[in-house]
Amino acid sequence: MFQPPKPDALAGYAVEVPLGDRWCIYHRLQELMIPCACSKDGSLRVEVNHGIAAILLRSTVQQFTASRQELVDWLERCWYTEVTVSDIQCTHP
């Protein structure tokens, strides 16, 4: 899914997505305020500067590319995953 950026390319990662979904994914990432651009070579380039952006990118791409059954399975796993306060680590600058 991700390819390391080339030094002379736009900043960020090239995300491989179906061409038919590229603009929908691009617009959704814009709504989420995640910097992205469509390159001349047809790739979608996304800047991922923190963990939340990575999670939102994965979720957005999954929304457009996964099958209905994959999305149902993922949602069911989420319902049965328990997270406690002790599982969450907070770091302060």
Protein backbone atom coordinates (compact mmCIF):
# COMPACT_ATOMS: atom_id res chain seq x y z
CA MET A 1 0.00 0.00 0.00
CA PHE A 2 2.75 2.48 0.87
CA GLN A 3 5.92 3.17 -1.04
CA PRO A 4 8.73 5.28 0.42
CA PRO A 5 8.88 8.70 -1.21
CA LYS A 6 11.54 9.39 -3.79
CA PRO A 7 13.83 12.34 -3.01
CA ASP A 8 12.74 14.30 -6.09
CA ALA A 9 9.03 13.47 -5.75
CA LEU A 10 6.29 15.31 -3.90
CA ALA A 11 6.45 15.02 -0.12
CA GLY A 12 4.59 12.09 1.40
CA TYR A 13 3.78 8.55 0.41
CA ALA A 14 2.46 7.19 -2.86
CA VAL A 15 -0.73 5.29 -2.11
CA GLU A 16 -1.80 2.64 -4.60
CA VAL A 17 -5.55 2.90 -5.09
CA PRO A 18 -7.82 2.06 -8.01
CA LEU A 19 -7.99 4.97 -10.45
CA GLY A 20 -11.78 5.01 -10.21
CA ASP A 21 -11.61 5.58 -6.45
CA ARG A 22 -8.63 7.95 -6.41
CA TRP A 23 -10.61 11.21 -6.51
CA CYS A 24 -13.16 10.04 -3.92
CA ILE A 25 -10.32 9.07 -1.58
CA TYR A 26 -8.53 12.35 -2.32
CA HIS A 27 -11.64 14.41 -1.47
CA ARG A 28 -12.29 12.44 1.72
CA LEU A 29 -8.70 12.97 2.87
CA GLN A 30 -9.10 16.69 2.14
CA GLU A 31 -12.24 16.71 4.33
CA LEU A 32 -10.17 15.08 7.09
CA MET A 33 -7.51 17.80 6.61
CA ILE A 34 -4.83 15.29 5.60
CA PRO A 35 -2.46 16.84 3.04
CA CYS A 36 -2.61 14.98 -0.26
CA ALA A 37 -2.25 15.53 -4.00
CA CYS A 38 -2.77 13.66 -7.23
CA SER A 39 0.51 13.44 -9.12
CA LYS A 40 0.98 13.67 -12.86
CA ASP A 41 1.88 9.96 -12.91
CA GLY A 42 -1.62 9.14 -11.60
CA SER A 43 -0.61 8.26 -8.05
CA LEU A 44 -2.16 9.68 -4.93
CA ARG A 45 0.46 11.19 -2.63
CA VAL A 46 -0.38 11.59 1.04
CA GLU A 47 1.55 13.23 3.87
CA VAL A 48 1.33 11.14 7.02
CA ASN A 49 2.85 13.14 9.86
CA HIS A 50 1.31 11.39 12.86
CA GLY A 51 -0.41 8.18 13.89
CA ILE A 52 -3.94 9.53 13.63
CA ALA A 53 -3.33 10.50 9.99
CA ALA A 54 -2.08 6.96 9.28
CA ILE A 55 -5.20 5.45 10.87
CA LEU A 56 -7.50 7.82 8.96
CA LEU A 57 -5.68 7.08 5.68
CA ARG A 58 -6.01 3.33 6.21
CA SER A 59 -9.67 3.65 7.15
CA THR A 60 -10.46 5.84 4.15
CA VAL A 61 -8.72 3.55 1.66
CA GLN A 62 -10.37 0.51 3.27
CA GLN A 63 -13.79 2.15 2.97
CA PHE A 64 -13.43 2.38 -0.81
CA THR A 65 -11.46 -0.77 -1.60
CA ALA A 66 -12.60 -3.49 0.80
CA SER A 67 -15.46 -5.83 0.02
CA ARG A 68 -18.66 -5.60 2.02
CA GLN A 69 -17.79 -8.83 3.87
CA GLU A 70 -14.33 -7.53 4.79
CA LEU A 71 -15.92 -4.37 6.22
CA VAL A 72 -18.48 -6.41 8.19
CA ASP A 73 -15.75 -8.67 9.59
CA TRP A 74 -13.63 -5.64 10.56
CA LEU A 75 -16.58 -3.95 12.28
CA GLU A 76 -17.42 -7.12 14.22
CA ARG A 77 -13.81 -7.37 15.42
CA CYS A 78 -14.02 -3.75 16.59
CA TRP A 79 -17.17 -4.48 18.61
CA TYR A 80 -15.42 -7.28 20.48
CA THR A 81 -12.13 -5.47 21.10
CA GLU A 82 -11.83 -4.16 24.63
CA VAL A 83 -9.68 -1.15 25.33
CA THR A 84 -9.05 -0.07 28.88
CA VAL A 85 -7.60 3.18 30.13
CA SER A 86 -4.41 1.36 31.10
CA ASP A 87 -4.00 0.26 27.44
CA ILE A 88 -3.80 3.87 26.27
CA GLN A 89 -0.45 5.58 26.66
CA CYS A 90 -0.39 9.34 26.71
CA THR A 91 2.73 11.32 26.05
CA HIS A 92 3.05 14.99 26.80
CA PRO A 93 5.59 17.23 25.10
